[in-house]
Amino acid sequence: MVENLAVLVLAGFVGFAVISKVPNTLHTPLMSGTNAIHGIVLLGGLIVLGLGVDGVLNKVLLVIAIAFGTINVVGGFLVTDRMLAMFKGKKPQPGADEEAS
C-alpha cells in the first residue's frame, strides 16, 4: 500500500515537472497525443469494471475515474478540432461574387 502511494506521488511530481517545461506552442499538440493514452486508460477502466471489483468504494472511484477520463478525452478532441480549424482557409460565402459585381 505504501509503495503504491509512493509511486502515485512520484508520478505526480514527474508529470508536473514534464508538463511545466512544455512551451505554450506545443501544449495543444501534446494534449492531442495524450488523448490516445487516456483512451487506453478508459478502456482499461471499463474492462476492470466489467470483470467485477470488490467493494462499493472501489466501484464508485472507478466510475468517477472513467467519467473524468471521458471528459478529458472529449475536451481534448474538441480543443484539437478547434486548433485545426484555425489552419483551414475561409470558404467564400455563397452569393459573395454576385455582390462584388
Protein backbone atom coordinates (compact mmCIF):
# COMPACT_ATOMS: atom_id res chain seq x y z
CA MET A 1 0.00 0.00 0.00
CA VAL A 2 2.78 2.44 0.90
CA GLU A 3 4.69 1.53 -2.26
CA ASN A 4 1.63 2.29 -4.42
CA LEU A 5 1.17 5.65 -2.72
CA ALA A 6 4.86 6.46 -3.22
CA VAL A 7 4.60 5.62 -6.94
CA LEU A 8 1.49 7.81 -7.26
CA VAL A 9 3.16 10.79 -5.58
CA LEU A 10 6.36 10.42 -7.61
CA ALA A 11 4.36 10.11 -10.84
CA GLY A 12 2.53 13.31 -9.95
CA PHE A 13 5.80 15.18 -9.41
CA VAL A 14 7.33 13.84 -12.62
CA GLY A 15 4.18 14.67 -14.61
CA PHE A 16 4.12 18.21 -13.25
CA ALA A 17 7.81 18.70 -13.99
CA VAL A 18 7.42 17.45 -17.57
CA ILE A 19 4.27 19.44 -18.38
CA SER A 20 5.56 22.67 -16.84
CA LYS A 21 8.56 22.59 -19.21
CA VAL A 22 6.39 22.34 -22.35
CA PRO A 23 6.19 25.62 -24.31
CA ASN A 24 2.72 27.03 -24.97
CA THR A 25 3.01 26.39 -28.72
CA LEU A 26 3.38 22.66 -28.12
CA HIS A 27 0.79 22.26 -25.40
CA THR A 28 -2.22 21.58 -27.67
CA PRO A 29 -0.43 19.01 -29.89
CA LEU A 30 0.81 17.32 -26.72
CA MET A 31 -2.74 17.17 -25.40
CA SER A 32 -3.87 15.66 -28.68
CA GLY A 33 -1.32 12.89 -28.26
CA THR A 34 -2.34 12.20 -24.69
CA ASN A 35 -5.92 11.60 -25.83
CA ALA A 36 -4.79 8.24 -27.18
CA ILE A 37 -3.30 7.38 -23.80
CA HIS A 38 -6.48 8.42 -21.99
CA GLY A 39 -8.49 6.29 -24.40
CA ILE A 40 -6.46 3.28 -23.35
CA VAL A 41 -6.98 4.20 -19.69
CA LEU A 42 -10.74 4.43 -20.26
CA LEU A 43 -10.79 1.05 -21.96
CA GLY A 44 -8.84 -0.47 -19.07
CA GLY A 45 -11.22 1.08 -16.56
CA LEU A 46 -14.23 -0.31 -18.38
CA ILE A 47 -12.66 -3.77 -18.54
CA VAL A 48 -11.86 -3.72 -14.81
CA LEU A 49 -15.38 -2.52 -14.03
CA GLY A 50 -16.82 -5.30 -16.22
CA LEU A 51 -14.72 -8.00 -14.58
CA GLY A 52 -16.14 -7.13 -11.21
CA VAL A 53 -14.49 -5.13 -8.47
CA ASP A 54 -14.79 -5.91 -4.78
CA GLY A 55 -16.22 -3.18 -2.60
CA VAL A 56 -18.63 -0.36 -3.24
CA LEU A 57 -15.99 2.32 -2.70
CA ASN A 58 -13.76 0.79 -5.38
CA LYS A 59 -16.65 0.73 -7.85
CA VAL A 60 -17.58 4.34 -7.11
CA LEU A 61 -13.98 5.51 -7.51
CA LEU A 62 -13.66 3.57 -10.76
CA VAL A 63 -16.85 5.10 -12.19
CA ILE A 64 -15.68 8.60 -11.19
CA ALA A 65 -12.29 7.96 -12.82
CA ILE A 66 -13.99 6.76 -16.02
CA ALA A 67 -16.25 9.84 -16.06
CA PHE A 68 -13.33 12.26 -15.57
CA GLY A 69 -11.28 10.41 -18.19
CA THR A 70 -14.15 10.65 -20.66
CA ILE A 71 -14.50 14.38 -20.05
CA ASN A 72 -10.76 14.78 -20.58
CA VAL A 73 -10.75 12.83 -23.86
CA VAL A 74 -13.78 14.64 -25.30
CA GLY A 75 -12.45 18.04 -24.24
CA GLY A 76 -9.07 17.27 -25.72
CA PHE A 77 -10.56 16.31 -29.06
CA LEU A 78 -12.73 19.44 -29.09
CA VAL A 79 -9.71 21.66 -28.43
CA THR A 80 -7.68 19.83 -31.08
CA ASP A 81 -10.51 20.19 -33.61
CA ARG A 82 -10.75 23.90 -32.87
CA MET A 83 -6.99 24.30 -33.25
CA LEU A 84 -7.01 22.50 -36.60
CA ALA A 85 -9.93 24.64 -37.80
CA MET A 86 -7.74 27.73 -37.40
CA PHE A 87 -5.46 26.42 -40.15
CA LYS A 88 -8.26 25.89 -42.68
CA GLY A 89 -8.87 28.62 -45.22
CA LYS A 90 -12.09 30.59 -45.05
CA LYS A 91 -14.70 29.46 -47.56
CA PRO A 92 -16.30 32.17 -49.69
CA GLN A 93 -19.90 32.90 -48.80
CA PRO A 94 -22.49 31.87 -51.39
CA GLY A 95 -23.56 34.90 -53.40
CA ALA A 96 -20.47 36.92 -52.42
CA ASP A 97 -19.31 37.04 -56.06
CA GLU A 98 -22.65 38.46 -57.18
CA GLU A 99 -22.49 41.32 -54.68
CA ALA A 100 -18.97 42.29 -55.79
CA SER A 101 -20.06 42.69 -59.44
